[in-house]
Amino acid sequence: SIGRHWREAVWSGIVGRINIMRRRRRQDQDGDKKKNGNIGQRFLRGVRKVDFYPKFDSDAVRTEKTRTGAILSIMTGLIITWLLVSELNSYWTIDHLEHVGVDVQGGAVLDVAVNISFNAIQCENVEPQVQDVMGNIQINDLGNMTKIPLSSTGRPITDLKDVKNSEKTESTLRRDKGCRLEGRLSLKRVKGNFHVALGHAKRTPDGRLIHHFKLRDIRAFNPEHTIHELRFGPHYKTMENPLDNYSASLNGIAGHYQYFIKIVPTRYEPISGKVIDSAQFAVTKQKHPVSIPFGHGQNGHIIPGVFFMLEISPYMVTITETSQSLIDFLTSICAIAGGMFTIAGILSSVFYHWSKVFNRNAEINGKKHLRLG
C-alpha cells in the first residue's frame, strides 16, 4: 500500500513536469516561428501584446499576456473613447433652465414686430388700428410701420419687372394688387387688440371704435393674408413664433379672421451677454365667412378683417443658460477612465482564472486516460 502511494506520487510529479516542459517547448516553438508564421498568426500574436492586464503564471513563474485580455483591452479603449466624446459634447452643450414667477414689470411697453401680406387689399385700404382696455386707441397710426404695394405675383411693386414703365409712385400705387404691412408697434402690456378691417375707423365721443363702410364693399374686401412674422419683443435663441409663415384664406370670399393670443412675458439670461426681456405666446385661430346683409356671419354681426386679440399673462418665464463646469468635466472623465479600467481588469482576471481551471481539469482527465491505457 505504501509502495503504491509512493509510485502514484512519483508518477504525478513526472506527468506535471512533462506538461510544464511541453508548455515551454510550445512557447519556444511559437517564438521560433514568429518570423516564418502566416499573417493570421502574426496578427494574433500582435493582438496579444495589447493586453493591458498581464497575469502572473505561477507554474511558469512569470507574467503572461492573453488574447482574451487583449480583446478586453481593445474593447475598453473603444468604450472609453466613445464615453469621453459624449462627455465632451455634453460639456460644450448649453442647457436651458426655466422657472416661472410673477411678472413685476406690468404696464411696460411691449415691442411687436409685424410683417403681414394682404394678397387682395390695396395699400390705401389697409389701415391698422390699435386699442386696449385702458382706453388707448391708435387709428391708422403707422409710426414705425410701412406699407409696401404688392403685385399679383406677391413681389414688391417697386420692382421694375412688375411695372410696365418707369412711372412714379402715385401711378404705381394704382397698379397694386395687394399690400405688405411691416414694421414695429409699441403696445401697453395690457389686454387689447390690433386689427386691419373694412372701412375707415373713427373714435366716438364715448371712447368706442367704429368702422364706416358701404354694404356693397363687403364682397370686394377680401382679407386673406400671409403672416411672415409676428413677434413680441426682441429675438432670443430658443424663441418660437407659432404664426410665422402662416397663411389664411376662405377661397376668395370676405372673411373675419381672429387670432386669440396669450402672451407670456419672458426673460432670457445668457451665460455671457445682456439679459433679454421679451415674450412668447400661444395662439388659437378662428375664421368665419362674411356675407350681406351687414356682415352676417356664424357669430352674428361681424365685419371682414384680421383681428389679433391680445391677453397678457401675469406670470413671467425666466430662461437661464447653463453649462457643465470644467471641474465637473474633469471629474467625469477621470471617473469614466478609472471605472472602465477597473471593470475590464476584473473581467480579464475572471476569464484568465476560469481558463486555468478548465485547462487543469483537462490535464487531470488526460492523466486518467493515460493510466487506463
Protein backbone atom coordinates (compact mmCIF):
# COMPACT_ATOMS: atom_id res chain seq x y z
CA SER A 1 0.00 0.00 0.00
CA ILE A 2 2.79 2.44 0.89
CA GLY A 3 4.67 1.47 -2.24
CA ARG A 4 1.57 2.05 -4.39
CA HIS A 5 1.02 5.56 -2.99
CA TRP A 6 4.65 6.34 -3.47
CA ARG A 7 4.55 5.24 -7.09
CA GLU A 8 1.42 7.40 -7.74
CA ALA A 9 3.08 10.44 -6.18
CA VAL A 10 6.21 9.94 -8.27
CA TRP A 11 4.10 9.40 -11.39
CA SER A 12 2.07 12.62 -10.74
CA GLY A 13 5.26 14.61 -10.33
CA ILE A 14 6.69 13.21 -13.54
CA VAL A 15 3.49 13.95 -15.50
CA GLY A 16 3.34 17.53 -14.13
CA ARG A 17 6.94 18.12 -15.04
CA ILE A 18 6.37 16.72 -18.51
CA ASN A 19 3.40 19.09 -19.02
CA ILE A 20 5.49 22.09 -17.95
CA MET A 21 8.25 21.07 -20.35
CA ARG A 22 5.71 20.63 -23.16
CA ARG A 23 4.23 24.07 -22.49
CA ARG A 24 7.67 25.69 -22.55
CA ARG A 25 8.56 23.79 -25.73
CA ARG A 26 5.38 25.06 -27.41
CA GLN A 27 6.17 28.61 -26.33
CA ASP A 28 9.72 28.28 -27.66
CA GLN A 29 8.39 26.88 -30.93
CA ASP A 30 5.97 29.80 -31.20
CA GLY A 31 8.89 32.17 -30.69
CA ASP A 32 10.94 30.43 -33.39
CA LYS A 33 8.03 30.67 -35.85
CA LYS A 34 7.39 34.39 -35.39
CA LYS A 35 9.37 35.33 -38.46
CA ASN A 36 8.09 32.48 -40.61
CA GLY A 37 4.42 32.38 -39.44
CA ASN A 38 1.48 33.37 -41.64
CA ILE A 39 -0.25 36.74 -41.45
CA GLY A 40 -3.08 35.45 -39.25
CA GLN A 41 -0.71 34.03 -36.66
CA ARG A 42 1.39 37.19 -36.61
CA PHE A 43 -1.76 39.24 -36.17
CA LEU A 44 -2.93 37.13 -33.21
CA ARG A 45 0.49 37.38 -31.58
CA GLY A 46 0.42 41.13 -32.12
CA VAL A 47 -3.06 41.39 -30.59
CA ARG A 48 -1.83 39.56 -27.50
CA LYS A 49 0.70 42.33 -26.91
CA VAL A 50 -2.15 44.82 -26.50
CA ASP A 51 -3.26 43.14 -23.26
CA PHE A 52 -3.19 45.86 -20.58
CA TYR A 53 -3.73 43.27 -17.85
CA PRO A 54 -0.82 40.74 -17.84
CA LYS A 55 -1.43 37.76 -15.50
CA PHE A 56 1.06 36.04 -13.20
CA ASP A 57 1.59 32.41 -14.21
CA SER A 58 2.53 30.55 -11.01
CA ASP A 59 3.59 27.47 -12.99
CA ALA A 60 5.99 29.26 -15.32
CA VAL A 61 6.91 31.84 -12.62
CA ARG A 62 6.32 34.81 -14.99
CA THR A 63 3.65 37.19 -16.23
CA GLU A 64 1.62 36.22 -19.27
CA LYS A 65 -0.42 38.25 -21.81
CA THR A 66 -3.50 36.59 -23.27
CA ARG A 67 -5.74 37.07 -26.30
CA THR A 68 -8.79 37.45 -24.09
CA GLY A 69 -7.07 40.21 -22.15
CA ALA A 70 -6.06 41.90 -25.39
CA ILE A 71 -9.64 41.80 -26.73
CA LEU A 72 -10.97 43.23 -23.45
CA SER A 73 -8.30 45.96 -23.59
CA ILE A 74 -9.29 46.97 -27.14
CA MET A 75 -12.99 47.00 -26.24
CA THR A 76 -12.23 49.04 -23.12
CA GLY A 77 -10.31 51.60 -25.15
CA LEU A 78 -13.14 51.96 -27.67
CA ILE A 79 -15.80 52.32 -24.97
CA ILE A 80 -13.71 54.88 -23.06
CA THR A 81 -13.19 56.88 -26.28
CA TRP A 82 -16.94 56.86 -27.02
CA LEU A 83 -17.81 57.92 -23.47
CA LEU A 84 -15.18 60.68 -23.49
CA VAL A 85 -16.52 62.07 -26.79
CA SER A 86 -20.07 62.03 -25.37
CA GLU A 87 -18.89 63.77 -22.20
CA LEU A 88 -17.02 66.38 -24.25
CA ASN A 89 -20.14 67.03 -26.33
CA SER A 90 -22.14 67.42 -23.12
CA TYR A 91 -19.52 69.88 -21.82
CA TRP A 92 -19.88 72.02 -24.96
CA THR A 93 -23.70 71.87 -24.99
CA ILE A 94 -25.64 74.73 -23.43
CA ASP A 95 -28.72 73.70 -21.45
CA HIS A 96 -31.69 75.89 -20.59
CA LEU A 97 -33.41 76.01 -17.22
CA GLU A 98 -36.89 77.54 -16.99
CA HIS A 99 -38.78 78.78 -13.96
CA VAL A 100 -41.96 80.79 -13.58
CA GLY A 101 -42.58 83.78 -11.35
CA VAL A 102 -44.88 86.78 -11.07
CA ASP A 103 -44.35 89.48 -13.70
CA VAL A 104 -43.28 92.60 -11.81
CA GLN A 105 -42.96 94.68 -14.99
CA GLY A 106 -46.68 95.00 -15.69
CA GLY A 107 -47.59 98.12 -17.66
CA ALA A 108 -44.27 98.36 -19.52
CA VAL A 109 -44.26 98.82 -23.29
CA LEU A 110 -44.24 95.69 -25.47
CA ASP A 111 -42.43 95.92 -28.81
CA VAL A 112 -44.25 93.96 -31.56
CA ALA A 113 -42.59 93.05 -34.86
CA VAL A 114 -45.19 92.71 -37.66
CA ASN A 115 -44.79 91.53 -41.25
CA ILE A 116 -48.10 90.63 -42.93
CA SER A 117 -49.01 90.45 -46.62
CA PHE A 118 -52.63 91.09 -47.67
CA ASN A 119 -52.94 89.40 -51.03
CA ALA A 120 -56.14 91.10 -52.25
CA ILE A 121 -56.30 94.51 -50.49
CA GLN A 122 -54.68 97.64 -51.87
CA CYS A 123 -52.48 99.67 -49.56
CA GLU A 124 -54.91 102.59 -49.45
CA ASN A 125 -57.44 100.29 -47.75
CA VAL A 126 -55.01 98.79 -45.21
CA GLU A 127 -55.44 100.80 -42.01
CA PRO A 128 -54.02 99.26 -38.82
CA GLN A 129 -55.98 100.06 -35.64
CA VAL A 130 -54.86 99.52 -32.03
CA GLN A 131 -56.93 99.68 -28.85
CA ASP A 132 -56.64 98.35 -25.29
CA VAL A 133 -58.68 98.15 -22.09
CA MET A 134 -57.10 101.34 -20.75
CA GLY A 135 -58.82 103.35 -23.49
CA ASN A 136 -55.75 103.88 -25.67
CA ILE A 137 -56.72 103.95 -29.37
CA GLN A 138 -54.42 104.39 -32.36
CA ILE A 139 -56.23 104.92 -35.67
CA ASN A 140 -54.16 104.33 -38.79
CA ASP A 141 -51.11 105.50 -36.89
CA LEU A 142 -48.29 103.87 -38.84
CA GLY A 143 -45.49 105.14 -36.59
CA ASN A 144 -42.66 102.69 -37.35
CA MET A 145 -44.86 100.76 -39.82
CA THR A 146 -44.62 100.92 -43.60
CA LYS A 147 -46.99 99.79 -46.37
CA ILE A 148 -45.43 98.18 -49.45
CA PRO A 149 -47.60 97.66 -52.57
CA LEU A 150 -47.52 94.12 -53.97
CA SER A 151 -48.05 92.85 -57.47
CA SER A 152 -50.26 89.90 -58.43
CA THR A 153 -47.16 87.70 -58.04
CA GLY A 154 -46.68 88.86 -54.44
CA ARG A 155 -43.49 90.80 -55.10
CA PRO A 156 -42.99 94.45 -54.12
CA ILE A 157 -44.42 96.50 -56.93
CA THR A 158 -41.47 98.89 -56.89
CA ASP A 159 -39.58 96.12 -58.74
CA LEU A 160 -39.42 97.32 -62.37
CA LYS A 161 -40.16 93.78 -63.56
CA ASP A 162 -43.71 94.22 -62.21
CA VAL A 163 -44.24 97.67 -63.77
CA LYS A 164 -44.66 98.24 -67.48
CA ASN A 165 -42.93 101.61 -67.40
CA SER A 166 -40.94 103.80 -65.07
CA GLU A 167 -43.88 105.85 -63.84
CA LYS A 168 -43.67 107.44 -60.41
CA THR A 169 -45.06 106.16 -57.13
CA GLU A 170 -48.55 107.71 -57.44
CA SER A 171 -49.37 105.84 -60.63
CA THR A 172 -47.59 102.74 -59.36
CA LEU A 173 -49.89 102.58 -56.32
CA ARG A 174 -52.88 102.35 -58.66
CA ARG A 175 -51.46 99.16 -60.09
CA ASP A 176 -51.10 97.31 -56.79
CA LYS A 177 -52.91 94.05 -56.20
CA GLY A 178 -52.00 93.58 -52.55
CA CYS A 179 -50.15 95.22 -49.70
CA ARG A 180 -47.48 94.25 -47.20
CA LEU A 181 -47.63 95.81 -43.75
CA GLU A 182 -44.34 95.60 -41.90
CA GLY A 183 -42.57 97.35 -39.06
CA ARG A 184 -43.00 97.65 -35.30
CA LEU A 185 -45.81 98.50 -32.93
CA SER A 186 -45.42 99.71 -29.35
CA LEU A 187 -48.21 98.34 -27.18
CA LYS A 188 -49.00 98.59 -23.50
CA ARG A 189 -48.66 95.29 -21.67
CA VAL A 190 -52.41 95.13 -21.06
CA LYS A 191 -55.32 93.36 -22.72
CA GLY A 192 -56.22 94.77 -26.13
CA ASN A 193 -56.13 94.15 -29.86
CA PHE A 194 -54.81 95.41 -33.16
CA HIS A 195 -56.55 94.77 -36.44
CA VAL A 196 -56.99 95.63 -40.10
CA ALA A 197 -60.67 95.72 -41.12
CA LEU A 198 -63.06 97.07 -43.74
CA GLY A 199 -63.86 100.79 -43.67
CA HIS A 200 -62.38 103.91 -42.12
CA ALA A 201 -62.18 103.81 -38.34
CA LYS A 202 -63.34 106.64 -36.08
CA ARG A 203 -63.48 107.15 -32.35
CA THR A 204 -66.83 108.04 -30.84
CA PRO A 205 -67.21 110.58 -28.01
CA ASP A 206 -67.80 107.75 -25.53
CA GLY A 207 -64.45 106.13 -26.45
CA ARG A 208 -65.65 103.39 -28.77
CA LEU A 209 -64.01 102.49 -32.08
CA ILE A 210 -66.30 102.11 -35.10
CA HIS A 211 -65.75 101.42 -38.81
CA HIS A 212 -67.61 103.30 -41.58
CA PHE A 213 -68.15 101.46 -44.86
CA LYS A 214 -70.76 100.74 -47.53
CA LEU A 215 -72.51 97.38 -47.68
CA ARG A 216 -71.51 96.81 -51.29
CA ASP A 217 -67.86 96.98 -50.22
CA ILE A 218 -68.12 93.76 -48.20
CA ARG A 219 -67.85 91.46 -51.21
CA ALA A 220 -64.84 93.38 -52.54
CA PHE A 221 -62.92 93.29 -49.26
CA ASN A 222 -61.01 90.00 -49.12
CA PRO A 223 -58.59 89.99 -46.18
CA GLU A 224 -56.87 86.69 -46.95
CA HIS A 225 -53.29 87.07 -45.79
CA THR A 226 -49.90 85.58 -45.02
CA ILE A 227 -48.17 86.28 -41.71
CA HIS A 228 -44.45 86.27 -42.43
CA GLU A 229 -43.54 87.27 -38.89
CA LEU A 230 -45.33 88.14 -35.69
CA ARG A 231 -43.01 88.52 -32.72
CA PHE A 232 -43.48 90.09 -29.30
CA GLY A 233 -40.22 91.51 -28.00
CA PRO A 234 -36.60 91.01 -29.09
CA HIS A 235 -35.46 87.70 -30.51
CA TYR A 236 -33.62 85.20 -28.30
CA LYS A 237 -32.06 81.79 -29.04
CA THR A 238 -34.91 79.43 -28.16
CA MET A 239 -37.76 81.70 -29.31
CA GLU A 240 -40.54 80.04 -31.31
CA ASN A 241 -43.26 82.08 -33.02
CA PRO A 242 -46.19 79.81 -34.00
CA LEU A 243 -47.65 82.24 -36.55
CA ASP A 244 -44.52 82.77 -38.66
CA ASN A 245 -45.15 81.94 -42.35
CA TYR A 246 -48.80 81.14 -41.70
CA SER A 247 -51.38 81.72 -44.46
CA ALA A 248 -55.16 82.03 -44.08
CA SER A 249 -57.82 82.13 -46.79
CA LEU A 250 -61.53 81.46 -47.40
CA ASN A 251 -61.21 80.72 -51.12
CA GLY A 252 -61.54 84.31 -52.25
CA ILE A 253 -64.60 85.39 -50.23
CA ALA A 254 -64.76 88.01 -47.49
CA GLY A 255 -63.86 86.64 -44.09
CA HIS A 256 -63.49 87.52 -40.45
CA TYR A 257 -60.17 86.18 -39.10
CA GLN A 258 -59.44 86.12 -35.39
CA TYR A 259 -56.25 85.22 -33.53
CA PHE A 260 -56.61 84.87 -29.76
CA ILE A 261 -53.09 85.34 -28.48
CA LYS A 262 -51.92 84.61 -24.93
CA ILE A 263 -48.66 86.47 -24.34
CA VAL A 264 -46.27 85.28 -21.63
CA PRO A 265 -43.50 87.77 -20.69
CA THR A 266 -40.13 86.04 -20.92
CA ARG A 267 -36.68 86.93 -19.66
CA TYR A 268 -33.68 85.25 -21.30
CA GLU A 269 -30.45 85.14 -19.27
CA PRO A 270 -27.45 84.04 -21.39
CA ILE A 271 -24.20 82.78 -19.90
CA SER A 272 -22.47 85.86 -21.24
CA GLY A 273 -24.06 89.00 -22.60
CA LYS A 274 -27.04 91.20 -21.87
CA VAL A 275 -30.29 89.92 -20.35
CA ILE A 276 -33.13 89.97 -22.92
CA ASP A 277 -36.67 90.92 -21.88
CA SER A 278 -39.03 89.50 -24.47
CA ALA A 279 -42.20 87.39 -24.70
CA GLN A 280 -43.51 84.13 -26.09
CA PHE A 281 -47.10 83.34 -26.98
CA ALA A 282 -49.70 80.71 -27.73
CA VAL A 283 -52.50 81.27 -30.23
CA THR A 284 -55.97 79.99 -31.08
CA LYS A 285 -57.18 80.68 -34.64
CA GLN A 286 -60.72 81.19 -35.96
CA LYS A 287 -62.13 82.28 -39.31
CA HIS A 288 -65.71 82.86 -40.49
CA PRO A 289 -67.15 83.87 -43.88
CA VAL A 290 -68.96 87.21 -44.01
CA SER A 291 -71.98 87.88 -46.23
CA ILE A 292 -74.63 90.56 -46.80
CA PRO A 293 -76.83 91.83 -45.18
CA PHE A 294 -74.41 93.70 -42.95
CA GLY A 295 -71.76 91.18 -42.24
CA HIS A 296 -73.92 88.34 -41.04
CA GLY A 297 -71.59 85.52 -40.04
CA GLN A 298 -71.77 82.46 -37.86
CA ASN A 299 -71.46 84.61 -34.74
CA GLY A 300 -73.80 87.49 -35.62
CA HIS A 301 -72.77 90.92 -36.96
CA ILE A 302 -69.10 90.78 -37.92
CA ILE A 303 -67.08 92.74 -40.44
CA PRO A 304 -64.37 91.47 -42.77
CA GLY A 305 -60.90 91.88 -41.36
CA VAL A 306 -57.99 90.39 -39.45
CA PHE A 307 -58.11 90.77 -35.67
CA PHE A 308 -55.34 89.95 -33.19
CA MET A 309 -56.85 89.71 -29.70
CA LEU A 310 -54.12 90.09 -27.09
CA GLU A 311 -54.09 88.96 -23.48
CA ILE A 312 -51.06 89.37 -21.21
CA SER A 313 -50.22 86.69 -18.64
CA PRO A 314 -49.50 87.94 -15.09
CA TYR A 315 -46.60 85.48 -14.89
CA MET A 316 -43.10 85.67 -16.32
CA VAL A 317 -40.93 82.80 -17.57
CA THR A 318 -37.20 83.12 -16.93
CA ILE A 319 -34.90 81.07 -19.17
CA THR A 320 -31.33 80.69 -17.91
CA GLU A 321 -28.45 79.25 -19.91
CA THR A 322 -26.33 76.70 -18.02
CA SER A 323 -23.35 74.53 -18.93
CA GLN A 324 -21.16 71.94 -17.22
CA SER A 325 -18.24 73.38 -15.26
CA LEU A 326 -14.64 72.44 -16.06
CA ILE A 327 -14.20 70.76 -12.66
CA ASP A 328 -17.26 68.56 -13.24
CA PHE A 329 -16.00 67.68 -16.72
CA LEU A 330 -12.55 66.63 -15.48
CA THR A 331 -14.10 64.64 -12.63
CA SER A 332 -16.38 62.82 -15.07
CA ILE A 333 -13.63 61.80 -17.48
CA CYS A 334 -11.43 60.56 -14.60
CA ALA A 335 -14.35 58.52 -13.24
CA ILE A 336 -15.07 57.08 -16.70
CA ALA A 337 -11.46 56.09 -17.41
CA GLY A 338 -10.79 54.69 -13.94
CA GLY A 339 -14.09 52.83 -13.72
CA MET A 340 -13.76 51.20 -17.14
CA PHE A 341 -10.15 50.11 -16.49
CA THR A 342 -11.15 48.59 -13.16
CA ILE A 343 -14.13 46.69 -14.55
CA ALA A 344 -12.14 45.41 -17.53
CA GLY A 345 -9.33 44.27 -15.20
CA ILE A 346 -11.76 42.29 -13.07
CA LEU A 347 -13.32 40.63 -16.14
CA SER A 348 -9.90 39.80 -17.57
CA SER A 349 -8.81 38.20 -14.29
CA VAL A 350 -12.02 36.16 -14.08
CA PHE A 351 -11.62 34.86 -17.65
CA TYR A 352 -7.98 34.03 -17.09
CA HIS A 353 -8.54 32.04 -13.89
CA TRP A 354 -11.54 30.29 -15.41
CA SER A 355 -9.39 29.19 -18.36
CA LYS A 356 -6.66 27.96 -15.96
CA VAL A 357 -9.21 25.84 -14.09
CA PHE A 358 -10.56 24.49 -17.37
CA ASN A 359 -7.05 23.55 -18.60
CA ARG A 360 -6.17 21.95 -15.26
CA ASN A 361 -9.30 19.80 -15.37
CA ALA A 362 -8.42 18.81 -18.92
CA GLU A 363 -4.93 17.72 -17.80
CA ILE A 364 -6.40 15.63 -14.97
CA ASN A 365 -8.77 13.94 -17.38
CA GLY A 366 -5.84 13.31 -19.71
CA LYS A 367 -3.86 11.58 -16.93
CA LYS A 368 -6.79 9.30 -16.16
CA HIS A 369 -7.00 8.22 -19.78
CA LEU A 370 -3.24 7.64 -19.78
CA ARG A 371 -3.46 5.42 -16.66
CA LEU A 372 -6.31 3.44 -18.15
CA GLY A 373 -4.26 2.88 -21.23
